[in-house]
Amino acid sequence: MQKIVFLTIISAALLFVFLPAFAFADKVPPAHSCTQPHRPFKFKTEAEVDAYKVQAESYRKCINDFVEEQNQAMQKHKDAANRAIEEYNFFVNTESRW
């Protein structure tokens, strides 16, 4: 009996801790963590130019990766919504006739 009470308390505590994360999962829009390179007013050496080009390319790749990830997530949400619509339409067309 004590074990059941203990497990119930632990389960409730875990729900209390983790449920808000799921409830607010889409409330805050995702943001990229890419770092935009700083371009000096004037490059002093060719090495600075090369370093800037590498940083700019890294920034471009980071942004592209972020956009691709968001597009994939958007497609998953769109697919889920379409499946829900199909399920409802099937229900309306087959089960809800009275």
Protein backbone atom coordinates (compact mmCIF):
# COMPACT_ATOMS: atom_id res chain seq x y z
CA MET A 1 0.00 0.00 0.00
CA GLN A 2 2.79 2.43 0.90
CA LYS A 3 4.54 1.56 -2.34
CA ILE A 4 1.44 2.50 -4.37
CA VAL A 5 1.09 5.80 -2.53
CA PHE A 6 4.79 6.51 -3.06
CA LEU A 7 4.58 5.73 -6.79
CA THR A 8 1.48 7.90 -7.13
CA ILE A 9 3.26 10.82 -5.47
CA ILE A 10 6.34 10.35 -7.66
CA SER A 11 4.18 10.16 -10.80
CA ALA A 12 2.29 13.31 -9.85
CA ALA A 13 5.54 15.13 -9.15
CA LEU A 14 6.99 14.11 -12.52
CA LEU A 15 3.85 15.30 -14.30
CA PHE A 16 4.01 18.58 -12.41
CA VAL A 17 7.62 19.07 -13.52
CA PHE A 18 7.42 17.95 -17.15
CA LEU A 19 3.86 18.76 -18.24
CA PRO A 20 4.42 22.52 -18.55
CA ALA A 21 7.21 21.90 -21.05
CA PHE A 22 4.81 20.00 -23.30
CA ALA A 23 1.99 22.49 -22.79
CA PHE A 24 4.13 25.42 -23.91
CA ALA A 25 6.13 23.60 -26.59
CA ASP A 26 4.83 25.77 -29.45
CA LYS A 27 4.07 28.94 -27.49
CA VAL A 28 7.54 30.40 -27.96
CA PRO A 29 8.66 30.46 -31.56
CA PRO A 30 12.02 28.82 -32.22
CA ALA A 31 14.97 31.07 -32.88
CA HIS A 32 18.25 30.26 -34.52
CA SER A 33 21.49 30.37 -32.58
CA CYS A 34 23.61 31.40 -35.55
CA THR A 35 26.26 34.05 -35.05
CA GLN A 36 26.46 36.77 -37.66
CA PRO A 37 30.05 37.63 -38.50
CA HIS A 38 31.31 41.12 -37.80
CA ARG A 39 32.63 42.81 -40.91
CA PRO A 40 35.30 45.39 -40.18
CA PHE A 41 35.12 48.77 -41.88
CA LYS A 42 38.34 47.93 -43.68
CA PHE A 43 40.22 44.64 -43.84
CA LYS A 44 43.87 44.97 -42.90
CA THR A 45 45.16 41.71 -44.37
CA GLU A 46 44.15 39.03 -46.81
CA ALA A 47 43.97 36.64 -43.84
CA GLU A 48 41.21 38.82 -42.32
CA VAL A 49 39.30 38.67 -45.61
CA ASP A 50 39.66 34.89 -45.71
CA ALA A 51 38.60 34.53 -42.07
CA TYR A 52 35.55 36.72 -42.72
CA LYS A 53 34.58 34.63 -45.74
CA VAL A 54 34.81 31.44 -43.64
CA GLN A 55 32.65 33.01 -40.91
CA ALA A 56 30.13 34.28 -43.47
CA GLU A 57 29.88 30.83 -45.03
CA SER A 58 29.43 29.27 -41.60
CA TYR A 59 26.65 31.78 -40.86
CA ARG A 60 24.93 31.03 -44.20
CA LYS A 61 25.07 27.28 -43.52
CA CYS A 62 23.73 27.71 -40.00
CA ILE A 63 20.77 29.80 -41.23
CA ASN A 64 20.06 27.34 -44.05
CA ASP A 65 20.12 24.42 -41.59
CA PHE A 66 17.75 26.26 -39.25
CA VAL A 67 15.33 27.07 -42.09
CA GLU A 68 15.40 23.46 -43.31
CA GLU A 69 14.72 22.18 -39.80
CA GLN A 70 11.77 24.57 -39.43
CA ASN A 71 10.40 23.58 -42.84
CA GLN A 72 10.56 19.91 -41.87
CA ALA A 73 8.77 20.63 -38.58
CA MET A 74 6.15 22.66 -40.44
CA GLN A 75 5.58 19.79 -42.84
CA LYS A 76 5.10 17.36 -39.94
CA HIS A 77 2.47 19.69 -38.42
CA LYS A 78 0.77 20.09 -41.79
CA ASP A 79 0.72 16.32 -42.30
CA ALA A 80 -0.74 15.80 -38.82
CA ALA A 81 -3.46 18.37 -39.49
CA ASN A 82 -4.31 16.73 -42.82
CA ARG A 83 -4.53 13.31 -41.15
CA ALA A 84 -6.91 14.75 -38.56
CA ILE A 85 -9.07 16.25 -41.33
CA GLU A 86 -9.12 12.93 -43.18
CA GLU A 87 -10.08 11.10 -40.00
CA TYR A 88 -12.91 13.53 -39.30
CA ASN A 89 -14.15 13.39 -42.89
CA PHE A 90 -14.15 9.60 -42.75
CA PHE A 91 -16.13 9.74 -39.51
CA VAL A 92 -18.67 12.17 -40.98
CA ASN A 93 -19.09 10.11 -44.16
CA THR A 94 -19.36 6.69 -42.53
CA GLU A 95 -20.23 6.84 -38.83
CA SER A 96 -22.30 9.93 -38.15
CA ARG A 97 -25.38 9.19 -40.22
CA TRP A 98 -28.57 9.04 -38.20
